[in-house]
Amino acid sequence: MLTLPQSHNPGWTATVDGVDLGAPLLIDGYANGWLLPPGPSGRSLELRWTPQRSVNVGLGISALGALAIFALIATGRVRKKSTTVRSGCRR
């Protein structure tokens, strides 16, 4: 049994040697757990929080937007609007 002491959430995935272990089980009323298939002791285990991909994409888009804004400022394309005051008096 593999136990991950994080709040139980189906967003967690686990693989052993590239084979998906399926949905996590609820362990001790809060944690994630997976039954490990029998095999040699030197296996590769990967735990992944899959919603993190969406967060990473959002951070990347935000970073690109910030770079675009800095580029516009650096090239002088962002200018203050000038206002013209007209006198309405005729003499």
N, C-alpha and C. Protein backbone atom coordinates (compact mmCIF):
# COMPACT_ATOMS: atom_id res chain seq x y z
N MET A 1 0.85 -1.18 0.00
CA MET A 1 0.00 0.00 0.00
C MET A 1 0.89 1.23 0.00
N LEU A 2 0.59 2.14 -0.90
CA LEU A 2 1.27 3.43 -0.97
C LEU A 2 0.31 4.47 -0.43
N THR A 3 0.75 5.26 0.55
CA THR A 3 -0.09 6.30 1.13
C THR A 3 0.55 7.66 0.90
N LEU A 4 -0.22 8.60 0.38
CA LEU A 4 0.21 9.98 0.19
C LEU A 4 -0.55 10.82 1.21
N PRO A 5 0.14 11.37 2.21
CA PRO A 5 -0.57 12.12 3.26
C PRO A 5 -0.99 13.53 2.83
N GLN A 6 -1.76 13.60 1.78
CA GLN A 6 -2.38 14.84 1.30
C GLN A 6 -3.88 14.62 1.30
N SER A 7 -4.64 15.69 1.36
CA SER A 7 -6.10 15.55 1.36
C SER A 7 -6.55 14.73 0.16
N HIS A 8 -7.47 13.80 0.41
CA HIS A 8 -7.97 12.93 -0.66
C HIS A 8 -8.60 13.75 -1.76
N ASN A 9 -8.18 13.49 -2.99
CA ASN A 9 -8.70 14.21 -4.14
C ASN A 9 -8.44 13.36 -5.37
N PRO A 10 -9.44 13.21 -6.25
CA PRO A 10 -9.24 12.40 -7.46
C PRO A 10 -8.25 13.03 -8.45
N GLY A 11 -7.78 14.25 -8.18
CA GLY A 11 -6.79 14.88 -9.04
C GLY A 11 -5.41 14.25 -8.92
N TRP A 12 -5.18 13.48 -7.86
CA TRP A 12 -3.90 12.79 -7.69
C TRP A 12 -3.88 11.53 -8.55
N THR A 13 -2.76 11.29 -9.23
CA THR A 13 -2.57 10.06 -9.98
C THR A 13 -1.26 9.43 -9.56
N ALA A 14 -1.19 8.13 -9.69
CA ALA A 14 0.03 7.40 -9.36
C ALA A 14 0.31 6.38 -10.46
N THR A 15 1.58 6.26 -10.84
CA THR A 15 2.00 5.25 -11.80
C THR A 15 3.22 4.52 -11.26
N VAL A 16 3.31 3.25 -11.61
CA VAL A 16 4.49 2.45 -11.30
C VAL A 16 5.02 1.92 -12.62
N ASP A 17 6.26 2.31 -12.94
CA ASP A 17 6.88 1.93 -14.22
C ASP A 17 5.98 2.28 -15.40
N GLY A 18 5.31 3.45 -15.31
CA GLY A 18 4.46 3.93 -16.39
C GLY A 18 3.06 3.34 -16.42
N VAL A 19 2.72 2.44 -15.51
CA VAL A 19 1.38 1.83 -15.47
C VAL A 19 0.53 2.56 -14.43
N ASP A 20 -0.62 3.08 -14.88
CA ASP A 20 -1.51 3.83 -14.01
C ASP A 20 -2.09 2.90 -12.93
N LEU A 21 -2.09 3.37 -11.69
CA LEU A 21 -2.62 2.58 -10.57
C LEU A 21 -4.10 2.84 -10.33
N GLY A 22 -4.73 3.69 -11.11
CA GLY A 22 -6.15 3.96 -10.97
C GLY A 22 -6.42 5.09 -9.98
N ALA A 23 -7.69 5.26 -9.67
CA ALA A 23 -8.11 6.33 -8.77
C ALA A 23 -7.59 6.06 -7.35
N PRO A 24 -7.26 7.13 -6.61
CA PRO A 24 -6.78 6.93 -5.24
C PRO A 24 -7.89 6.46 -4.32
N LEU A 25 -7.51 5.67 -3.33
CA LEU A 25 -8.43 5.22 -2.29
C LEU A 25 -8.36 6.17 -1.10
N LEU A 26 -9.44 6.28 -0.36
CA LEU A 26 -9.47 7.10 0.85
C LEU A 26 -8.81 6.31 1.98
N ILE A 27 -7.75 6.88 2.57
CA ILE A 27 -7.00 6.22 3.64
C ILE A 27 -7.09 7.08 4.90
N ASP A 28 -7.38 6.46 6.03
CA ASP A 28 -7.46 7.12 7.33
C ASP A 28 -8.40 8.33 7.33
N GLY A 29 -9.40 8.32 6.48
CA GLY A 29 -10.40 9.38 6.46
C GLY A 29 -9.97 10.68 5.81
N TYR A 30 -8.73 10.75 5.27
CA TYR A 30 -8.32 12.01 4.64
C TYR A 30 -7.28 11.84 3.53
N ALA A 31 -6.48 10.79 3.57
CA ALA A 31 -5.32 10.68 2.68
C ALA A 31 -5.65 9.89 1.41
N ASN A 32 -4.73 9.96 0.45
CA ASN A 32 -4.81 9.21 -0.79
C ASN A 32 -4.00 7.93 -0.64
N GLY A 33 -4.45 6.85 -1.25
CA GLY A 33 -3.70 5.61 -1.20
C GLY A 33 -3.92 4.77 -2.44
N TRP A 34 -2.94 3.96 -2.78
CA TRP A 34 -3.02 3.06 -3.92
C TRP A 34 -2.47 1.70 -3.52
N LEU A 35 -3.08 0.65 -4.03
CA LEU A 35 -2.55 -0.69 -3.85
C LEU A 35 -1.47 -0.90 -4.91
N LEU A 36 -0.28 -1.27 -4.47
CA LEU A 36 0.81 -1.51 -5.40
C LEU A 36 0.80 -2.95 -5.86
N PRO A 37 0.92 -3.18 -7.18
CA PRO A 37 0.98 -4.56 -7.66
C PRO A 37 2.31 -5.19 -7.25
N PRO A 38 2.33 -6.51 -7.10
CA PRO A 38 3.60 -7.15 -6.74
C PRO A 38 4.63 -6.96 -7.85
N GLY A 39 5.88 -6.85 -7.46
CA GLY A 39 6.94 -6.66 -8.44
C GLY A 39 8.26 -6.46 -7.74
N PRO A 40 9.31 -6.21 -8.50
CA PRO A 40 10.63 -6.01 -7.91
C PRO A 40 10.68 -4.73 -7.09
N SER A 41 11.66 -4.64 -6.20
CA SER A 41 11.74 -3.48 -5.30
C SER A 41 12.29 -2.24 -5.99
N GLY A 42 12.97 -2.36 -7.09
CA GLY A 42 13.58 -1.20 -7.75
C GLY A 42 12.71 -0.61 -8.84
N ARG A 43 11.45 -0.33 -8.54
CA ARG A 43 10.53 0.19 -9.55
C ARG A 43 10.48 1.71 -9.51
N SER A 44 10.04 2.30 -10.61
CA SER A 44 9.89 3.75 -10.71
C SER A 44 8.45 4.13 -10.35
N LEU A 45 8.30 5.02 -9.38
CA LEU A 45 6.99 5.46 -8.91
C LEU A 45 6.85 6.95 -9.18
N GLU A 46 5.70 7.35 -9.72
CA GLU A 46 5.44 8.77 -9.99
C GLU A 46 4.07 9.14 -9.46
N LEU A 47 4.05 10.20 -8.63
CA LEU A 47 2.80 10.78 -8.14
C LEU A 47 2.65 12.14 -8.80
N ARG A 48 1.45 12.43 -9.27
CA ARG A 48 1.24 13.68 -10.00
C ARG A 48 -0.08 14.30 -9.59
N TRP A 49 -0.04 15.63 -9.40
CA TRP A 49 -1.26 16.41 -9.14
C TRP A 49 -1.70 16.95 -10.49
N THR A 50 -2.67 16.29 -11.13
CA THR A 50 -3.02 16.62 -12.51
C THR A 50 -3.62 18.01 -12.70
N PRO A 51 -4.36 18.60 -11.74
CA PRO A 51 -4.84 19.97 -11.97
C PRO A 51 -3.71 21.00 -12.07
N GLN A 52 -2.50 20.64 -11.68
CA GLN A 52 -1.37 21.56 -11.76
C GLN A 52 -1.10 21.99 -13.21
N ARG A 53 -1.44 21.14 -14.18
CA ARG A 53 -1.23 21.50 -15.58
C ARG A 53 -1.99 22.77 -15.94
N SER A 54 -3.24 22.88 -15.49
CA SER A 54 -4.04 24.07 -15.77
C SER A 54 -3.43 25.30 -15.12
N VAL A 55 -2.92 25.14 -13.92
CA VAL A 55 -2.27 26.25 -13.22
C VAL A 55 -1.03 26.69 -13.99
N ASN A 56 -0.23 25.74 -14.46
CA ASN A 56 0.98 26.07 -15.21
C ASN A 56 0.66 26.79 -16.51
N VAL A 57 -0.40 26.37 -17.20
CA VAL A 57 -0.81 27.04 -18.44
C VAL A 57 -1.23 28.47 -18.13
N GLY A 58 -2.01 28.66 -17.07
CA GLY A 58 -2.44 30.01 -16.69
C GLY A 58 -1.26 30.90 -16.33
N LEU A 59 -0.29 30.37 -15.61
CA LEU A 59 0.91 31.14 -15.27
C LEU A 59 1.70 31.52 -16.52
N GLY A 60 1.79 30.60 -17.46
CA GLY A 60 2.50 30.88 -18.72
C GLY A 60 1.81 31.98 -19.52
N ILE A 61 0.50 31.92 -19.61
CA ILE A 61 -0.25 32.96 -20.33
C ILE A 61 -0.10 34.31 -19.64
N SER A 62 -0.14 34.33 -18.32
CA SER A 62 0.06 35.58 -17.58
C SER A 62 1.45 36.15 -17.81
N ALA A 63 2.46 35.29 -17.82
CA ALA A 63 3.83 35.75 -18.06
C ALA A 63 3.97 36.33 -19.46
N LEU A 64 3.37 35.69 -20.45
CA LEU A 64 3.42 36.22 -21.82
C LEU A 64 2.71 37.57 -21.91
N GLY A 65 1.59 37.70 -21.23
CA GLY A 65 0.88 38.98 -21.22
C GLY A 65 1.71 40.08 -20.58
N ALA A 66 2.38 39.76 -19.47
CA ALA A 66 3.23 40.75 -18.81
C ALA A 66 4.39 41.15 -19.71
N LEU A 67 5.00 40.19 -20.40
CA LEU A 67 6.09 40.51 -21.33
C LEU A 67 5.60 41.40 -22.47
N ALA A 68 4.41 41.13 -22.97
CA ALA A 68 3.86 41.97 -24.04
C ALA A 68 3.65 43.40 -23.56
N ILE A 69 3.16 43.57 -22.35
CA ILE A 69 2.95 44.91 -21.80
C ILE A 69 4.28 45.64 -21.64
N PHE A 70 5.28 44.94 -21.11
CA PHE A 70 6.61 45.56 -20.96
C PHE A 70 7.19 45.92 -22.31
N ALA A 71 6.98 45.08 -23.32
CA ALA A 71 7.49 45.37 -24.66
C ALA A 71 6.81 46.62 -25.23
N LEU A 72 5.50 46.74 -25.01
CA LEU A 72 4.78 47.93 -25.50
C LEU A 72 5.28 49.20 -24.81
N ILE A 73 5.51 49.09 -23.52
CA ILE A 73 6.02 50.25 -22.78
C ILE A 73 7.42 50.61 -23.26
N ALA A 74 8.26 49.61 -23.44
CA ALA A 74 9.65 49.85 -23.85
C ALA A 74 9.75 50.45 -25.24
N THR A 75 8.84 50.11 -26.12
CA THR A 75 8.90 50.65 -27.48
C THR A 75 8.13 51.96 -27.61
N GLY A 76 7.53 52.44 -26.54
CA GLY A 76 6.85 53.73 -26.56
C GLY A 76 5.50 53.70 -27.24
N ARG A 77 4.91 52.57 -27.40
CA ARG A 77 3.60 52.50 -28.07
C ARG A 77 2.45 52.88 -27.15
N VAL A 78 2.70 52.88 -25.87
CA VAL A 78 1.67 53.29 -24.93
C VAL A 78 1.92 54.75 -24.61
N ARG A 79 1.00 55.60 -25.00
CA ARG A 79 1.15 57.04 -24.80
C ARG A 79 -0.06 57.57 -24.07
N LYS A 80 0.17 58.65 -23.35
CA LYS A 80 -0.96 59.29 -22.70
C LYS A 80 -1.77 60.04 -23.74
N LYS A 81 -3.07 60.04 -23.56
CA LYS A 81 -3.92 60.81 -24.46
C LYS A 81 -3.77 62.29 -24.15
N SER A 82 -3.61 63.08 -25.18
CA SER A 82 -3.53 64.52 -24.95
C SER A 82 -4.93 65.10 -25.11
N THR A 83 -5.21 66.05 -24.29
CA THR A 83 -6.51 66.70 -24.36
C THR A 83 -6.30 68.14 -24.81
N THR A 84 -7.17 68.59 -25.66
CA THR A 84 -7.11 69.95 -26.17
C THR A 84 -8.26 70.72 -25.56
N VAL A 85 -7.92 71.84 -24.97
CA VAL A 85 -8.93 72.68 -24.35
C VAL A 85 -9.26 73.79 -25.35
N ARG A 86 -10.51 73.88 -25.70
CA ARG A 86 -10.94 74.91 -26.64
C ARG A 86 -11.71 75.98 -25.88
N SER A 87 -11.44 77.16 -26.25
CA SER A 87 -12.16 78.25 -25.63
C SER A 87 -13.47 78.46 -26.36
N GLY A 88 -14.54 78.51 -25.65
CA GLY A 88 -15.86 78.67 -26.25
C GLY A 88 -16.28 80.13 -26.32
N CYS A 89 -15.41 81.06 -25.97
CA CYS A 89 -15.76 82.48 -25.96
C CYS A 89 -15.40 83.13 -27.28
N ARG A 90 -16.33 83.93 -27.85
CA ARG A 90 -16.05 84.70 -29.07
C ARG A 90 -16.19 86.16 -28.74
N ARG A 91 -15.31 86.94 -29.27
CA ARG A 91 -15.42 88.37 -29.03
C ARG A 91 -15.35 89.14 -30.27
